[in-house]
Amino acid sequence: MISRRFETILIILGIAVFAFFGVQGVSMLVVHNDEEAAMELYESYQGDLEADQEETYDLPEFSVFVENLQSGGIIILVLSAMTIITGIISIVFLKKNLKPKLVGILLLVSGAVVAILGFAPAMFGSLLYMASGVLVLFKKPKVQVE
């Protein structure tokens, strides 16, 4: 049986990154449901833009801002949940040495989906998933000479 310790560590680190962004998605949904907190966040962004004197970026109206919090929070939460579940399934399959090729492809696809969707802050987690997927696919067991 081949040791998959390094791949498992990479997957666990990826799960930690995606869990962090899942918490961010939940906090966006919480702020969406709290009008006072949403207004505070909106005013904070306005202050930051005025301090930076950004003329190229206009902050949307408050109602649009709040709706973007909800849709963005849902997207982040769903992506995070899917990648965390993928990571847990991959670890279980690797521990039992079940279908390592399938696990490698699953990790590559889930990492690529997050990268393609442009979820830039979670790019580190997707790179960890893709690296572990490549290692799972190309790591061969040592042949014992008799």
C-alpha atoms as a PDB file:
ATOM      1  CA  MET A   1       0.000   0.000   0.000  1.00  0.00           C
ATOM      2  CA  ILE A   2       1.284   3.422  -0.969  1.00  0.00           C
ATOM      3  CA  SER A   3       1.633   6.200   1.609  1.00  0.00           C
ATOM      4  CA  ARG A   4      -0.619   9.164   0.852  1.00  0.00           C
ATOM      5  CA  ARG A   5       0.377  11.283   3.847  1.00  0.00           C
ATOM      6  CA  PHE A   6       1.551  14.325   1.855  1.00  0.00           C
ATOM      7  CA  GLU A   7      -1.552  14.335  -0.325  1.00  0.00           C
ATOM      8  CA  THR A   8      -3.748  14.072   2.775  1.00  0.00           C
ATOM      9  CA  ILE A   9      -1.958  17.028   4.372  1.00  0.00           C
ATOM     10  CA  LEU A  10      -2.489  19.130   1.235  1.00  0.00           C
ATOM     11  CA  ILE A  11      -6.169  18.216   1.191  1.00  0.00           C
ATOM     12  CA  ILE A  12      -6.573  19.102   4.886  1.00  0.00           C
ATOM     13  CA  LEU A  13      -4.925  22.480   4.280  1.00  0.00           C
ATOM     14  CA  GLY A  14      -7.280  23.039   1.333  1.00  0.00           C
ATOM     15  CA  ILE A  15     -10.259  22.149   3.523  1.00  0.00           C
ATOM     16  CA  ALA A  16      -9.074  24.697   6.095  1.00  0.00           C
ATOM     17  CA  VAL A  17      -8.841  27.421   3.422  1.00  0.00           C
ATOM     18  CA  PHE A  18     -12.293  26.624   2.080  1.00  0.00           C
ATOM     19  CA  ALA A  19     -13.761  26.459   5.606  1.00  0.00           C
ATOM     20  CA  PHE A  20     -12.418  29.966   6.242  1.00  0.00           C
ATOM     21  CA  PHE A  21     -14.174  31.234   3.125  1.00  0.00           C
ATOM     22  CA  GLY A  22     -17.326  29.354   4.094  1.00  0.00           C
ATOM     23  CA  VAL A  23     -17.352  31.323   7.349  1.00  0.00           C
ATOM     24  CA  GLN A  24     -16.972  34.481   5.273  1.00  0.00           C
ATOM     25  CA  GLY A  25     -19.996  33.492   3.206  1.00  0.00           C
ATOM     26  CA  VAL A  26     -22.048  32.897   6.346  1.00  0.00           C
ATOM     27  CA  SER A  27     -20.998  36.280   7.743  1.00  0.00           C
ATOM     28  CA  MET A  28     -22.078  37.942   4.490  1.00  0.00           C
ATOM     29  CA  LEU A  29     -25.508  36.345   4.866  1.00  0.00           C
ATOM     30  CA  VAL A  30     -25.699  37.458   8.508  1.00  0.00           C
ATOM     31  CA  VAL A  31     -24.832  41.031   7.537  1.00  0.00           C
ATOM     32  CA  HIS A  32     -27.441  40.871   4.765  1.00  0.00           C
ATOM     33  CA  ASN A  33     -30.119  40.025   7.343  1.00  0.00           C
ATOM     34  CA  ASP A  34     -29.023  42.788   9.760  1.00  0.00           C
ATOM     35  CA  GLU A  35     -29.931  46.186   8.290  1.00  0.00           C
ATOM     36  CA  GLU A  36     -27.824  48.147  10.789  1.00  0.00           C
ATOM     37  CA  ALA A  37     -24.687  46.074  10.190  1.00  0.00           C
ATOM     38  CA  ALA A  38     -25.200  46.282   6.425  1.00  0.00           C
ATOM     39  CA  MET A  39     -25.495  50.079   6.617  1.00  0.00           C
ATOM     40  CA  GLU A  40     -22.346  50.227   8.755  1.00  0.00           C
ATOM     41  CA  LEU A  41     -20.430  48.118   6.231  1.00  0.00           C
ATOM     42  CA  TYR A  42     -21.766  50.228   3.343  1.00  0.00           C
ATOM     43  CA  GLU A  43     -20.669  53.457   5.042  1.00  0.00           C
ATOM     44  CA  SER A  44     -17.277  51.917   5.751  1.00  0.00           C
ATOM     45  CA  TYR A  45     -16.835  51.160   2.047  1.00  0.00           C
ATOM     46  CA  GLN A  46     -17.920  54.688   1.166  1.00  0.00           C
ATOM     47  CA  GLY A  47     -15.355  56.105   3.587  1.00  0.00           C
ATOM     48  CA  ASP A  48     -12.627  53.905   2.154  1.00  0.00           C
ATOM     49  CA  LEU A  49     -13.419  54.999  -1.395  1.00  0.00           C
ATOM     50  CA  GLU A  50     -13.438  58.666  -0.410  1.00  0.00           C
ATOM     51  CA  ALA A  51     -10.134  58.275   1.454  1.00  0.00           C
ATOM     52  CA  ASP A  52      -8.545  56.587  -1.553  1.00  0.00           C
ATOM     53  CA  GLN A  53     -10.154  59.111  -3.884  1.00  0.00           C
ATOM     54  CA  GLU A  54     -11.147  56.365  -6.287  1.00  0.00           C
ATOM     55  CA  GLU A  55     -12.928  57.967  -9.201  1.00  0.00           C
ATOM     56  CA  THR A  56     -12.988  54.852 -11.372  1.00  0.00           C
ATOM     57  CA  TYR A  57     -15.161  52.803  -9.021  1.00  0.00           C
ATOM     58  CA  ASP A  58     -18.653  53.833  -7.958  1.00  0.00           C
ATOM     59  CA  LEU A  59     -20.269  52.103  -5.031  1.00  0.00           C
ATOM     60  CA  PRO A  60     -23.756  50.849  -5.960  1.00  0.00           C
ATOM     61  CA  GLU A  61     -26.869  51.964  -4.147  1.00  0.00           C
ATOM     62  CA  PHE A  62     -27.476  50.496  -0.703  1.00  0.00           C
ATOM     63  CA  SER A  63     -30.236  48.124  -1.861  1.00  0.00           C
ATOM     64  CA  VAL A  64     -28.033  46.718  -4.633  1.00  0.00           C
ATOM     65  CA  PHE A  65     -25.148  46.417  -2.158  1.00  0.00           C
ATOM     66  CA  VAL A  66     -27.316  44.389   0.252  1.00  0.00           C
ATOM     67  CA  GLU A  67     -28.550  42.099  -2.527  1.00  0.00           C
ATOM     68  CA  ASN A  68     -24.947  41.544  -3.641  1.00  0.00           C
ATOM     69  CA  LEU A  69     -24.104  40.534  -0.086  1.00  0.00           C
ATOM     70  CA  GLN A  70     -26.794  37.875  -0.202  1.00  0.00           C
ATOM     71  CA  SER A  71     -25.953  36.455  -3.628  1.00  0.00           C
ATOM     72  CA  GLY A  72     -22.211  36.578  -2.970  1.00  0.00           C
ATOM     73  CA  GLY A  73     -22.645  34.918   0.410  1.00  0.00           C
ATOM     74  CA  ILE A  74     -24.700  32.106  -1.072  1.00  0.00           C
ATOM     75  CA  ILE A  75     -22.199  31.506  -3.877  1.00  0.00           C
ATOM     76  CA  ILE A  76     -19.247  31.464  -1.477  1.00  0.00           C
ATOM     77  CA  LEU A  77     -21.079  29.184   0.939  1.00  0.00           C
ATOM     78  CA  VAL A  78     -22.106  26.683  -1.753  1.00  0.00           C
ATOM     79  CA  LEU A  79     -18.622  26.570  -3.307  1.00  0.00           C
ATOM     80  CA  SER A  80     -17.016  26.134   0.097  1.00  0.00           C
ATOM     81  CA  ALA A  81     -19.415  23.360   1.110  1.00  0.00           C
ATOM     82  CA  MET A  82     -18.874  21.502  -2.171  1.00  0.00           C
ATOM     83  CA  THR A  83     -15.086  21.680  -1.927  1.00  0.00           C
ATOM     84  CA  ILE A  84     -15.050  20.691   1.752  1.00  0.00           C
ATOM     85  CA  ILE A  85     -17.244  17.654   1.008  1.00  0.00           C
ATOM     86  CA  THR A  86     -14.984  16.790  -1.935  1.00  0.00           C
ATOM     87  CA  GLY A  87     -11.946  16.989   0.339  1.00  0.00           C
ATOM     88  CA  ILE A  88     -13.481  14.770   3.015  1.00  0.00           C
ATOM     89  CA  ILE A  89     -14.548  12.167   0.450  1.00  0.00           C
ATOM     90  CA  SER A  90     -11.050  12.249  -1.061  1.00  0.00           C
ATOM     91  CA  ILE A  91      -9.380  11.694   2.308  1.00  0.00           C
ATOM     92  CA  VAL A  92     -11.676   8.752   3.103  1.00  0.00           C
ATOM     93  CA  PHE A  93     -11.026   7.170  -0.294  1.00  0.00           C
ATOM     94  CA  LEU A  94      -7.263   7.687   0.012  1.00  0.00           C
ATOM     95  CA  LYS A  95      -7.160   6.185   3.517  1.00  0.00           C
ATOM     96  CA  LYS A  96      -8.965   3.075   2.258  1.00  0.00           C
ATOM     97  CA  ASN A  97      -6.975   3.110  -1.004  1.00  0.00           C
ATOM     98  CA  LEU A  98     -10.182   3.094  -3.067  1.00  0.00           C
ATOM     99  CA  LYS A  99     -10.007   4.353  -6.645  1.00  0.00           C
ATOM    100  CA  PRO A 100      -7.057   6.768  -6.366  1.00  0.00           C
ATOM    101  CA  LYS A 101      -7.402   7.793 -10.036  1.00  0.00           C
ATOM    102  CA  LEU A 102     -10.987   8.909  -9.391  1.00  0.00           C
ATOM    103  CA  VAL A 103      -9.860  10.846  -6.311  1.00  0.00           C
ATOM    104  CA  GLY A 104      -7.126  12.575  -8.303  1.00  0.00           C
ATOM    105  CA  ILE A 105      -9.550  13.587 -11.032  1.00  0.00           C
ATOM    106  CA  LEU A 106     -12.106  14.749  -8.447  1.00  0.00           C
ATOM    107  CA  LEU A 107      -9.520  16.948  -6.731  1.00  0.00           C
ATOM    108  CA  LEU A 108      -8.309  18.387 -10.031  1.00  0.00           C
ATOM    109  CA  VAL A 109     -11.835  19.173 -11.183  1.00  0.00           C
ATOM    110  CA  SER A 110     -12.943  20.775  -7.911  1.00  0.00           C
ATOM    111  CA  GLY A 111      -9.776  22.865  -7.743  1.00  0.00           C
ATOM    112  CA  ALA A 112     -10.158  23.915 -11.371  1.00  0.00           C
ATOM    113  CA  VAL A 113     -13.825  24.844 -10.913  1.00  0.00           C
ATOM    114  CA  VAL A 114     -12.968  27.217  -8.067  1.00  0.00           C
ATOM    115  CA  ALA A 115     -10.091  28.662 -10.085  1.00  0.00           C
ATOM    116  CA  ILE A 116     -12.167  29.097 -13.262  1.00  0.00           C
ATOM    117  CA  LEU A 117     -15.083  30.712 -11.448  1.00  0.00           C
ATOM    118  CA  GLY A 118     -12.688  33.447 -10.417  1.00  0.00           C
ATOM    119  CA  PHE A 119     -13.015  32.928  -6.694  1.00  0.00           C
ATOM    120  CA  ALA A 120      -9.634  34.630  -6.302  1.00  0.00           C
ATOM    121  CA  PRO A 121      -9.288  34.678  -2.505  1.00  0.00           C
ATOM    122  CA  ALA A 122      -9.684  30.891  -2.400  1.00  0.00           C
ATOM    123  CA  MET A 123      -7.145  30.340  -5.173  1.00  0.00           C
ATOM    124  CA  PHE A 124      -4.652  28.994  -2.628  1.00  0.00           C
ATOM    125  CA  GLY A 125      -7.074  26.249  -1.618  1.00  0.00           C
ATOM    126  CA  SER A 126      -7.739  25.322  -5.224  1.00  0.00           C
ATOM    127  CA  LEU A 127      -3.984  25.134  -5.897  1.00  0.00           C
ATOM    128  CA  LEU A 128      -3.616  22.789  -2.919  1.00  0.00           C
ATOM    129  CA  TYR A 129      -6.404  20.577  -4.258  1.00  0.00           C
ATOM    130  CA  MET A 130      -4.934  20.523  -7.759  1.00  0.00           C
ATOM    131  CA  ALA A 131      -1.436  19.739  -6.461  1.00  0.00           C
ATOM    132  CA  SER A 132      -2.730  16.853  -4.369  1.00  0.00           C
ATOM    133  CA  GLY A 133      -4.782  15.637  -7.342  1.00  0.00           C
ATOM    134  CA  VAL A 134      -1.691  15.568  -9.552  1.00  0.00           C
ATOM    135  CA  LEU A 135       0.280  13.746  -6.842  1.00  0.00           C
ATOM    136  CA  VAL A 136      -2.471  11.161  -6.439  1.00  0.00           C
ATOM    137  CA  LEU A 137      -2.628  10.563 -10.186  1.00  0.00           C
ATOM    138  CA  PHE A 138       1.088  10.257 -10.836  1.00  0.00           C
ATOM    139  CA  LYS A 139       2.469   8.687  -7.654  1.00  0.00           C
ATOM    140  CA  LYS A 140       3.180   5.025  -8.339  1.00  0.00           C
ATOM    141  CA  PRO A 141       3.656   2.312  -5.724  1.00  0.00           C
ATOM    142  CA  LYS A 142       7.184   1.036  -5.267  1.00  0.00           C
ATOM    143  CA  VAL A 143       7.834  -2.264  -6.995  1.00  0.00           C
ATOM    144  CA  GLN A 144       9.442  -4.833  -4.710  1.00  0.00           C
ATOM    145  CA  VAL A 145      12.190  -6.909  -6.302  1.00  0.00           C
ATOM    146  CA  GLU A 146      12.208 -10.557  -5.246  1.00  0.00           C
END
